[in-house]
Amino acid sequence: MKLLNVNYENIKLDTAIERTVSLVKSQNKANVFFLNADCIYKAQKDEGYRNVLNSADLVLPDGIGLKVATWLLGGRMRENCNGSDFSPRFMAVAC
């Protein structure tokens, strides 16, 4: 999904964890970022930051602000994939 020139994966949390595990297994490392409304705002003003986000291995949707922005622009965010929920579940699978 593209929102104000920033790409993010509009996927569910379980899928995000599976994709991250797969990335780490295939590359031994991965750039995974959590995108919220503040990130979108900063990416509009900072092209370098926007480029980093758009070149990441995986950018996940994080927060109600992003959900509302996606909705206002005609989309639907499938699930909030915030770091607080993602990290413990990923660590349980990775260990």
C-alpha atoms as a PDB file:
ATOM      1  CA  MET A   1       0.000   0.000   0.000  1.00  0.00           C
ATOM      2  CA  LYS A   2       1.265   3.494  -0.767  1.00  0.00           C
ATOM      3  CA  LEU A   3       0.282   6.394   1.477  1.00  0.00           C
ATOM      4  CA  LEU A   4       1.558   9.896   0.689  1.00  0.00           C
ATOM      5  CA  ASN A   5       4.569   8.499  -1.190  1.00  0.00           C
ATOM      6  CA  VAL A   6       5.489   6.031   1.546  1.00  0.00           C
ATOM      7  CA  ASN A   7       5.032   2.294   1.002  1.00  0.00           C
ATOM      8  CA  TYR A   8       3.904  -0.115   3.684  1.00  0.00           C
ATOM      9  CA  GLU A   9       2.813  -3.734   3.747  1.00  0.00           C
ATOM     10  CA  ASN A  10      -0.888  -3.930   4.460  1.00  0.00           C
ATOM     11  CA  ILE A  11      -0.725  -7.339   6.130  1.00  0.00           C
ATOM     12  CA  LYS A  12      -1.848  -9.010   9.331  1.00  0.00           C
ATOM     13  CA  LEU A  13       0.495  -9.462  12.281  1.00  0.00           C
ATOM     14  CA  ASP A  14       0.884 -13.224  11.801  1.00  0.00           C
ATOM     15  CA  THR A  15       1.899 -12.671   8.183  1.00  0.00           C
ATOM     16  CA  ALA A  16       4.326  -9.922   9.236  1.00  0.00           C
ATOM     17  CA  ILE A  17       6.044 -12.307  11.633  1.00  0.00           C
ATOM     18  CA  GLU A  18       6.223 -15.057   8.999  1.00  0.00           C
ATOM     19  CA  ARG A  19       7.686 -12.619   6.457  1.00  0.00           C
ATOM     20  CA  THR A  20      10.263 -11.345   8.939  1.00  0.00           C
ATOM     21  CA  VAL A  21      11.359 -14.867   9.857  1.00  0.00           C
ATOM     22  CA  SER A  22      11.668 -15.675   6.167  1.00  0.00           C
ATOM     23  CA  LEU A  23      13.705 -12.508   5.506  1.00  0.00           C
ATOM     24  CA  VAL A  24      16.090 -13.262   8.361  1.00  0.00           C
ATOM     25  CA  LYS A  25      16.536 -16.868   7.232  1.00  0.00           C
ATOM     26  CA  SER A  26      17.244 -15.872   3.632  1.00  0.00           C
ATOM     27  CA  GLN A  27      19.356 -12.751   4.278  1.00  0.00           C
ATOM     28  CA  ASN A  28      20.587 -13.259   7.855  1.00  0.00           C
ATOM     29  CA  LYS A  29      19.342  -9.720   8.585  1.00  0.00           C
ATOM     30  CA  ALA A  30      16.501  -7.434   7.550  1.00  0.00           C
ATOM     31  CA  ASN A  31      15.371  -3.833   7.902  1.00  0.00           C
ATOM     32  CA  VAL A  32      11.907  -3.902   9.444  1.00  0.00           C
ATOM     33  CA  PHE A  33      10.264  -0.602  10.349  1.00  0.00           C
ATOM     34  CA  PHE A  34       6.984   0.327  11.998  1.00  0.00           C
ATOM     35  CA  LEU A  35       5.205   3.189  10.239  1.00  0.00           C
ATOM     36  CA  ASN A  36       2.923   5.515  12.169  1.00  0.00           C
ATOM     37  CA  ALA A  37       1.339   8.887  11.417  1.00  0.00           C
ATOM     38  CA  ASP A  38       4.377  10.785  12.724  1.00  0.00           C
ATOM     39  CA  CYS A  39       6.637   8.824  10.367  1.00  0.00           C
ATOM     40  CA  ILE A  40       4.390   9.754   7.430  1.00  0.00           C
ATOM     41  CA  TYR A  41       4.542  13.411   8.470  1.00  0.00           C
ATOM     42  CA  LYS A  42       8.335  13.370   8.767  1.00  0.00           C
ATOM     43  CA  ALA A  43       8.699  11.518   5.462  1.00  0.00           C
ATOM     44  CA  GLN A  44       6.858  14.351   3.707  1.00  0.00           C
ATOM     45  CA  LYS A  45       9.484  16.832   4.866  1.00  0.00           C
ATOM     46  CA  ASP A  46      12.599  14.638   4.696  1.00  0.00           C
ATOM     47  CA  GLU A  47      13.281  12.921   1.378  1.00  0.00           C
ATOM     48  CA  GLY A  48      16.202  10.939   2.813  1.00  0.00           C
ATOM     49  CA  TYR A  49      14.015   9.492   5.553  1.00  0.00           C
ATOM     50  CA  ARG A  50      11.303   8.682   3.010  1.00  0.00           C
ATOM     51  CA  ASN A  51      13.877   6.898   0.847  1.00  0.00           C
ATOM     52  CA  VAL A  52      15.062   4.818   3.810  1.00  0.00           C
ATOM     53  CA  LEU A  53      11.491   3.763   4.546  1.00  0.00           C
ATOM     54  CA  ASN A  54      10.797   2.937   0.913  1.00  0.00           C
ATOM     55  CA  SER A  55      13.960   0.857   0.597  1.00  0.00           C
ATOM     56  CA  ALA A  56      13.327  -1.216   3.744  1.00  0.00           C
ATOM     57  CA  ASP A  57      12.751  -4.947   3.567  1.00  0.00           C
ATOM     58  CA  LEU A  58       9.461  -4.590   5.418  1.00  0.00           C
ATOM     59  CA  VAL A  59       7.448  -1.580   6.625  1.00  0.00           C
ATOM     60  CA  LEU A  60       4.541  -2.422   8.913  1.00  0.00           C
ATOM     61  CA  PRO A  61       1.480  -0.320   9.781  1.00  0.00           C
ATOM     62  CA  ASP A  62       1.464   0.998  13.332  1.00  0.00           C
ATOM     63  CA  GLY A  63      -1.299   2.956  14.984  1.00  0.00           C
ATOM     64  CA  ILE A  64      -4.753   4.429  14.681  1.00  0.00           C
ATOM     65  CA  GLY A  65      -3.385   7.554  12.979  1.00  0.00           C
ATOM     66  CA  LEU A  66      -2.128   5.490  10.063  1.00  0.00           C
ATOM     67  CA  LYS A  67      -5.397   3.558   9.986  1.00  0.00           C
ATOM     68  CA  VAL A  68      -7.409   6.792   9.781  1.00  0.00           C
ATOM     69  CA  ALA A  69      -5.092   8.298   7.135  1.00  0.00           C
ATOM     70  CA  THR A  70      -5.357   5.135   5.055  1.00  0.00           C
ATOM     71  CA  TRP A  71      -9.140   5.205   5.357  1.00  0.00           C
ATOM     72  CA  LEU A  72      -9.339   8.914   4.456  1.00  0.00           C
ATOM     73  CA  LEU A  73      -7.382   8.197   1.283  1.00  0.00           C
ATOM     74  CA  GLY A  74      -9.708   5.342   0.284  1.00  0.00           C
ATOM     75  CA  GLY A  75      -7.885   2.322   1.725  1.00  0.00           C
ATOM     76  CA  ARG A  76      -8.338  -0.057   4.608  1.00  0.00           C
ATOM     77  CA  MET A  77      -5.558  -1.076   6.979  1.00  0.00           C
ATOM     78  CA  ARG A  78      -5.912  -4.785   7.720  1.00  0.00           C
ATOM     79  CA  GLU A  79      -4.319  -4.845  11.158  1.00  0.00           C
ATOM     80  CA  ASN A  80      -2.200  -2.744  13.490  1.00  0.00           C
ATOM     81  CA  CYS A  81       1.255  -4.358  13.464  1.00  0.00           C
ATOM     82  CA  ASN A  82       2.878  -2.299  16.215  1.00  0.00           C
ATOM     83  CA  GLY A  83       6.237  -3.170  17.719  1.00  0.00           C
ATOM     84  CA  SER A  84       4.785  -3.881  21.167  1.00  0.00           C
ATOM     85  CA  ASP A  85       2.726  -6.746  19.768  1.00  0.00           C
ATOM     86  CA  PHE A  86       5.202  -7.804  17.089  1.00  0.00           C
ATOM     87  CA  SER A  87       8.440  -8.032  19.116  1.00  0.00           C
ATOM     88  CA  PRO A  88       7.495 -10.639  21.756  1.00  0.00           C
ATOM     89  CA  ARG A  89       5.773 -12.841  19.189  1.00  0.00           C
ATOM     90  CA  PHE A  90       8.717 -12.594  16.799  1.00  0.00           C
ATOM     91  CA  MET A  91      11.198 -13.366  19.571  1.00  0.00           C
ATOM     92  CA  ALA A  92       9.207 -16.418  20.610  1.00  0.00           C
ATOM     93  CA  VAL A  93       9.419 -17.767  17.070  1.00  0.00           C
ATOM     94  CA  ALA A  94      13.028 -16.723  16.490  1.00  0.00           C
ATOM     95  CA  CYS A  95      14.445 -18.288  19.652  1.00  0.00           C
END
